[in-house]
Protein backbone atom coordinates (compact mmCIF):
# COMPACT_ATOMS: atom_id res chain seq x y z
CA MET A 1 37.98 255.32 138.77
CA SER A 2 35.76 252.33 138.05
CA GLU A 3 36.22 248.90 140.90
CA SER A 4 36.13 245.33 140.00
CA PRO A 5 32.91 243.58 140.25
CA SER A 6 32.58 242.90 143.64
CA THR A 7 30.48 239.63 143.13
CA PRO A 8 32.04 236.39 144.30
CA ASP A 9 32.13 234.77 140.75
CA SER A 10 33.91 238.11 139.19
CA ILE A 11 36.60 237.30 136.74
CA HIS A 12 38.89 240.09 138.72
CA SER A 13 37.52 238.81 142.06
CA ASP A 14 40.11 237.77 145.01
CA ALA A 15 38.12 234.27 145.01
CA PHE A 16 38.57 233.43 141.36
CA LEU A 17 41.91 234.38 141.35
CA ALA A 18 42.42 232.16 144.65
CA ARG A 19 40.81 229.14 143.21
CA LEU A 20 42.64 229.69 139.77
CA MET A 21 46.30 229.81 141.80
CA ARG A 22 45.00 226.91 143.95
CA ASP A 23 44.43 224.97 140.85
CA GLN A 24 47.54 226.12 139.22
CA LEU A 25 49.83 225.04 142.25
CA LYS A 26 48.16 221.59 142.40
CA LEU A 27 49.30 221.32 138.29
CA SER A 28 52.66 222.74 139.04
CA ILE A 29 53.19 220.49 141.73
CA ALA A 30 52.07 217.23 139.82
CA CYS A 31 54.31 218.36 137.00
CA ALA A 32 57.50 218.68 139.16
CA LEU A 33 56.92 215.55 141.21
CA CYS A 34 56.81 213.76 137.60
CA PHE A 35 59.86 215.59 136.92
CA VAL A 36 61.82 214.54 139.98
CA VAL A 37 60.86 210.76 139.67
CA ALA A 38 62.13 210.74 136.47
CA LEU A 39 65.51 212.49 137.69
CA VAL A 40 65.83 210.47 140.51
CA ALA A 41 64.78 207.06 139.08
CA LEU A 42 67.92 207.27 136.58
CA PRO A 43 70.56 206.97 139.06
CA LEU A 44 68.38 204.83 141.74
CA LEU A 45 68.08 202.24 138.78
CA ASN A 46 71.98 202.61 137.78
CA TYR A 47 72.55 201.67 140.91
CA PHE A 48 70.21 198.94 141.77
CA GLN A 49 70.18 197.07 138.22
CA PRO A 50 73.39 197.99 136.44
CA GLU A 51 73.16 194.99 134.47
CA PHE A 52 69.62 196.11 133.20
CA MET A 53 70.83 200.02 132.72
CA ALA A 54 74.09 198.22 130.63
CA GLN A 55 72.31 196.90 127.94
CA ARG A 56 72.36 198.01 124.76
CA VAL A 57 69.48 199.58 122.77
CA PHE A 58 69.87 201.40 119.23
CA GLY A 59 73.87 201.37 119.58
CA PHE A 60 73.24 203.40 122.91
CA THR A 61 73.37 201.99 126.69
CA LEU A 62 69.92 202.17 128.21
CA THR A 63 71.32 204.86 130.46
CA TRP A 64 72.36 207.00 127.97
CA LEU A 65 69.39 206.25 125.69
CA ILE A 66 67.21 207.60 128.88
CA LEU A 67 69.75 210.28 129.27
CA GLY A 68 70.98 211.60 126.11
CA VAL A 69 67.76 210.79 124.28
CA LEU A 70 64.78 210.37 125.97
CA PHE A 71 64.85 213.00 128.70
CA PHE A 72 64.38 215.80 126.96
CA PRO A 73 61.29 214.97 124.81
CA PHE A 74 60.11 213.64 128.32
CA VAL A 75 60.70 216.92 129.94
CA TRP A 76 59.16 219.02 126.71
CA ILE A 77 55.69 216.33 127.43
CA ILE A 78 55.49 217.72 130.23
CA SER A 79 56.15 221.16 129.59
CA TYR A 80 53.24 220.08 127.25
CA VAL A 81 51.01 218.95 129.13
CA PHE A 82 51.33 221.91 131.69
CA ILE A 83 50.76 224.68 129.38
CA LYS A 84 47.69 222.90 127.62
CA ARG A 85 46.04 221.83 131.24
CA SER A 86 46.97 225.42 132.60
CA ILE A 87 45.32 227.14 129.63
CA ALA A 88 41.92 224.96 130.14
CA LEU A 89 42.16 225.88 133.65
CA GLU A 90 42.11 229.18 133.40
CA ASP A 91 39.44 229.01 130.35
CA ALA A 92 37.66 227.00 132.99
CA GLU A 93 37.54 229.22 135.33
CA ALA A 94 36.73 232.58 133.11
CA LYS A 95 33.67 230.17 132.00
CA ALA A 96 32.49 229.77 135.21
CA ALA A 97 32.84 233.22 136.46
CA LEU A 98 31.18 234.91 133.41
CA ASP A 99 28.59 231.84 133.75
CA GLY A 100 28.12 233.10 137.49
CA LEU A 101 27.16 236.85 135.91
CA THR A 102 24.87 235.73 133.27
CA LYS A 103 22.58 233.96 135.69
């Protein structure tokens, strides 16, 4: 049975995986915070600015426009950004590990 390469920059090393997992955790927390801020902001705006949120925009009150129409695209955008940045992190780590092996 062959073992994984033991060099610290190897793609299969614990250091590589720990770095990648740490970077993806930071990305996950940032995306989750963005979602939570949007989730908490709507009730707070309704509570503190009821006249503003009651404005009509495209036939909807601003509250329902945000909640019923804009919230789902916002979540899709967060998901899209998370996936793209996660793939970029993996690619960057893999490239750095492979560059370290070739030197």
